[in-house]
Protein backbone atom coordinates (compact mmCIF):
# COMPACT_ATOMS: atom_id res chain seq x y z
CA MET A 1 -23.10 -6.80 25.66
CA ALA A 2 -24.79 -3.53 24.83
CA VAL A 3 -24.68 -0.72 26.87
CA GLU A 4 -27.97 1.16 27.85
CA VAL A 5 -27.80 4.92 27.33
CA GLU A 6 -30.18 7.08 28.71
CA ILE A 7 -30.17 9.69 25.88
CA ASP A 8 -32.29 10.57 22.94
CA ILE A 9 -30.63 9.04 19.84
CA ASP A 10 -31.75 11.20 17.57
CA VAL A 11 -30.96 14.29 19.65
CA LEU A 12 -27.49 13.01 19.88
CA LYS A 13 -27.00 12.55 16.24
CA SER A 14 -28.43 16.21 15.28
CA GLU A 15 -25.75 17.13 17.80
CA ILE A 16 -22.77 15.38 16.28
CA LYS A 17 -24.33 16.51 12.76
CA LYS A 18 -23.86 20.01 14.11
CA THR A 19 -20.58 19.70 15.54
CA TYR A 20 -18.92 18.15 12.34
CA ALA A 21 -21.18 20.46 9.99
CA SER A 22 -19.03 23.22 12.04
CA VAL A 23 -15.67 21.70 11.49
CA SER A 24 -16.74 21.41 7.81
CA GLU A 25 -18.04 25.25 7.41
CA ASP A 26 -15.30 26.81 9.52
CA PRO A 27 -12.35 24.73 9.98
CA GLY A 28 -10.34 27.60 11.43
CA ARG A 29 -12.35 27.95 14.40
CA ASP A 30 -10.66 26.42 17.68
CA PHE A 31 -12.64 23.11 18.76
CA ILE A 32 -12.11 21.23 21.63
CA PHE A 33 -10.26 18.68 19.40
CA PRO A 34 -7.48 19.22 16.98
CA THR A 35 -7.94 19.80 13.47
CA GLY A 36 -6.31 20.31 10.01
CA ARG A 37 -3.23 19.26 8.01
CA ALA A 38 -0.73 19.93 10.85
CA TRP A 39 -2.39 17.83 13.30
CA ALA A 40 -2.69 14.94 10.44
CA GLU A 41 1.12 15.57 9.90
CA ASP A 42 1.74 15.11 13.61
CA LEU A 43 0.02 12.23 13.52
CA GLY A 44 2.57 10.93 11.34
CA TYR A 45 0.16 10.33 8.21
CA PRO A 46 1.88 8.65 5.10
CA PRO A 47 3.36 10.55 2.40
CA GLU A 48 0.08 10.33 0.15
CA LEU A 49 -1.24 13.37 2.71
CA ALA A 50 0.73 15.92 0.78
CA ASN A 51 -1.51 15.18 -2.19
CA VAL A 52 -4.60 15.55 -0.66
CA PRO A 53 -6.25 18.94 -1.34
CA GLU A 54 -6.73 21.53 1.39
CA THR A 55 -10.30 21.42 0.79
CA ALA A 56 -10.44 18.01 2.65
CA VAL A 57 -7.61 18.26 5.03
CA GLU A 58 -8.54 21.50 6.57
CA SER A 59 -11.65 19.81 8.15
CA PHE A 60 -9.51 16.71 9.00
CA ALA A 61 -10.78 15.91 12.74
CA GLY A 62 -9.05 12.38 13.34
CA VAL A 63 -8.02 11.19 16.70
CA ALA A 64 -4.87 9.00 15.74
CA ASN A 65 -3.30 7.21 12.72
CA PRO A 66 -5.03 4.10 11.11
CA TRP A 67 -2.20 4.07 8.87
CA GLN A 68 0.20 2.64 11.60
CA LEU A 69 -1.55 -0.48 11.36
CA GLY A 70 -0.30 -0.88 7.51
CA ARG A 71 -0.93 0.29 4.21
CA LEU A 72 -3.23 -0.75 1.49
CA ALA A 73 -2.49 -3.10 -1.37
CA PRO A 74 -3.22 -2.03 -5.03
CA GLY A 75 -6.61 -3.20 -6.13
CA GLU A 76 -8.21 -3.62 -2.66
CA ARG A 77 -11.74 -2.48 -1.85
CA VAL A 78 -11.96 -0.18 1.08
CA LEU A 79 -14.52 1.71 3.21
CA ASP A 80 -13.86 4.57 5.19
CA LEU A 81 -16.21 4.48 7.92
CA GLY A 82 -16.91 8.32 8.95
CA SER A 83 -15.09 9.58 6.17
CA GLY A 84 -15.72 13.15 7.05
CA ALA A 85 -14.17 15.57 4.46
CA GLY A 86 -12.25 12.48 2.94
CA THR A 87 -8.74 12.74 3.91
CA ASP A 88 -8.57 9.10 4.81
CA SER A 89 -10.63 8.32 1.54
CA LEU A 90 -7.93 10.20 -0.54
CA VAL A 91 -4.92 8.89 1.38
CA ALA A 92 -6.55 5.42 0.61
CA ALA A 93 -7.49 6.06 -3.05
CA GLN A 94 -3.81 6.71 -3.94
CA MET A 95 -2.66 3.61 -2.24
CA VAL A 96 -5.16 1.40 -3.90
CA GLY A 97 -4.61 2.98 -7.09
CA GLU A 98 -6.66 2.76 -10.24
CA GLN A 99 -7.67 -0.70 -10.03
CA GLY A 100 -8.93 -0.48 -6.28
CA ALA A 101 -11.67 1.51 -4.88
CA VAL A 102 -12.89 3.45 -2.03
CA THR A 103 -16.10 4.59 -0.59
CA GLY A 104 -16.51 6.86 2.10
CA ILE A 105 -19.64 7.06 4.10
CA ASP A 106 -20.64 9.87 6.38
CA MET A 107 -23.76 11.08 7.76
CA THR A 108 -22.95 15.15 7.59
CA LEU A 109 -23.90 16.35 4.16
CA GLN A 110 -21.51 19.57 4.66
CA MET A 111 -18.41 16.82 5.24
CA LEU A 112 -19.85 14.91 1.89
CA THR A 113 -19.86 18.03 -0.09
CA LYS A 114 -16.34 19.07 0.99
CA ALA A 115 -15.26 15.22 0.59
CA ARG A 116 -16.66 15.29 -3.16
CA THR A 117 -15.24 18.61 -4.01
CA ALA A 118 -11.56 17.53 -2.98
CA ALA A 119 -12.01 14.41 -4.81
CA ALA A 120 -12.85 16.07 -8.16
CA GLU A 121 -9.90 18.39 -7.16
CA MET A 122 -7.66 15.53 -7.05
CA ASN A 123 -9.31 13.80 -10.27
CA ALA A 124 -9.60 10.66 -8.01
CA SER A 125 -12.08 8.56 -10.07
CA ASN A 126 -11.64 5.56 -7.66
CA VAL A 127 -13.60 6.95 -4.69
CA GLU A 128 -17.11 7.65 -3.75
CA PHE A 129 -18.93 9.33 -1.15
CA VAL A 130 -22.29 7.95 0.38
CA GLU A 131 -24.42 9.45 2.94
CA SER A 132 -25.21 6.81 5.53
CA GLU A 133 -24.79 5.80 9.01
CA ALA A 134 -22.71 3.25 10.69
CA GLU A 135 -25.30 1.01 12.09
CA ARG A 136 -27.04 0.48 8.71
CA LEU A 137 -24.41 0.23 5.98
CA PRO A 138 -26.19 0.34 2.52
CA PHE A 139 -23.79 -2.38 0.99
CA PRO A 140 -24.15 -6.14 0.36
CA ASP A 141 -22.22 -8.78 2.18
CA GLU A 142 -18.70 -9.12 1.79
CA SER A 143 -18.31 -5.71 -0.28
CA PHE A 144 -14.97 -4.57 1.05
CA ASP A 145 -11.57 -5.65 1.76
CA VAL A 146 -10.65 -3.37 4.36
CA VAL A 147 -12.58 -0.94 6.51
CA ILE A 148 -10.75 2.17 7.81
CA SER A 149 -11.96 4.62 10.40
CA ASN A 150 -10.64 7.53 12.52
CA GLY A 151 -12.53 8.81 15.61
CA VAL A 152 -15.86 7.82 14.60
CA ILE A 153 -17.09 4.42 16.24
CA ASP A 154 -16.68 6.61 19.81
CA LEU A 155 -19.39 8.68 18.72
CA VAL A 156 -21.97 5.88 18.03
CA PRO A 157 -23.90 4.42 21.10
CA ASP A 158 -24.72 1.04 19.68
CA LYS A 159 -21.18 -0.35 18.82
CA ASP A 160 -22.33 -3.77 18.76
CA ALA A 161 -24.46 -2.53 15.61
CA VAL A 162 -21.48 -1.04 14.17
CA PHE A 163 -19.06 -3.92 14.39
CA ALA A 164 -21.85 -6.63 13.29
CA GLU A 165 -22.04 -4.15 9.80
CA LEU A 166 -18.51 -3.97 9.39
CA PHE A 167 -18.27 -7.79 9.61
CA ARG A 168 -21.02 -8.25 7.52
CA VAL A 169 -19.72 -6.08 4.71
CA LEU A 170 -15.91 -7.13 4.83
CA VAL A 171 -14.91 -10.32 2.82
CA PRO A 172 -13.63 -13.35 4.64
CA GLY A 173 -9.98 -12.44 5.94
CA GLY A 174 -10.89 -8.79 5.51
CA ARG A 175 -9.13 -6.68 8.03
CA ILE A 176 -10.27 -3.19 10.02
CA GLN A 177 -7.75 -0.38 10.44
CA ILE A 178 -9.48 1.90 13.05
CA ALA A 179 -7.84 4.30 14.92
CA ASP A 180 -10.45 5.59 17.82
CA VAL A 181 -10.99 6.99 21.56
CA THR A 182 -11.18 4.04 24.15
CA ILE A 183 -11.97 4.36 27.82
CA GLN A 184 -10.25 2.54 30.72
CA ASN A 185 -13.19 2.74 33.68
CA PRO A 186 -16.66 3.00 33.13
CA VAL A 187 -18.59 6.28 32.36
CA SER A 188 -21.22 7.22 35.04
CA ALA A 189 -24.72 7.44 34.10
CA GLU A 190 -24.70 11.27 34.16
CA GLY A 191 -21.63 11.34 31.84
CA ARG A 192 -23.63 9.07 29.30
CA ARG A 193 -26.42 11.42 29.13
CA ASN A 194 -24.11 14.51 28.54
CA ILE A 195 -24.10 15.25 24.79
CA ASP A 196 -21.10 17.10 24.95
CA LEU A 197 -18.98 14.33 25.91
CA TRP A 198 -20.21 12.36 22.88
CA THR A 199 -19.61 15.01 20.39
CA GLY A 200 -16.26 16.38 21.28
């Protein structure tokens, strides 16, 4: 069941891009959410985090640890939904190895630039980063074995569209490892219109 949101979606996306461009360009700034390597370590990220360049990890803004749901297998094809500066994609690239492939998507160009730079620093040839929005993935059906995502789906108003796309691009029997924010009580109409609550 879709929830009607009385907010201009284009304005919302623009504000989200601004917020995460800021995380990319000024990662040392204080945000209303935690960021950086120390935060990923506090969340209990796997040992592969140590090999991810600071270029990526300094802009890490995940909300929890999707790796608590399990490790990836060598050779798997992975989609990182909302890859940001690439931390989770680069952890995944190490897990799946040279026979596997990781595709990170993000709508923030500054984050994509950082992710590509970090992948080059790591010599990670099994990962690519694509500009895209979660509701319209530019991939054929059944393209991925696993979808990972950390703190992204909560930012998208049309969650039905996101999940429809995830199920479309997953192979039968594929899996989703999501770390995200949920709420226990309905949000007021005023709250749904407050862009600051969506972006932070």
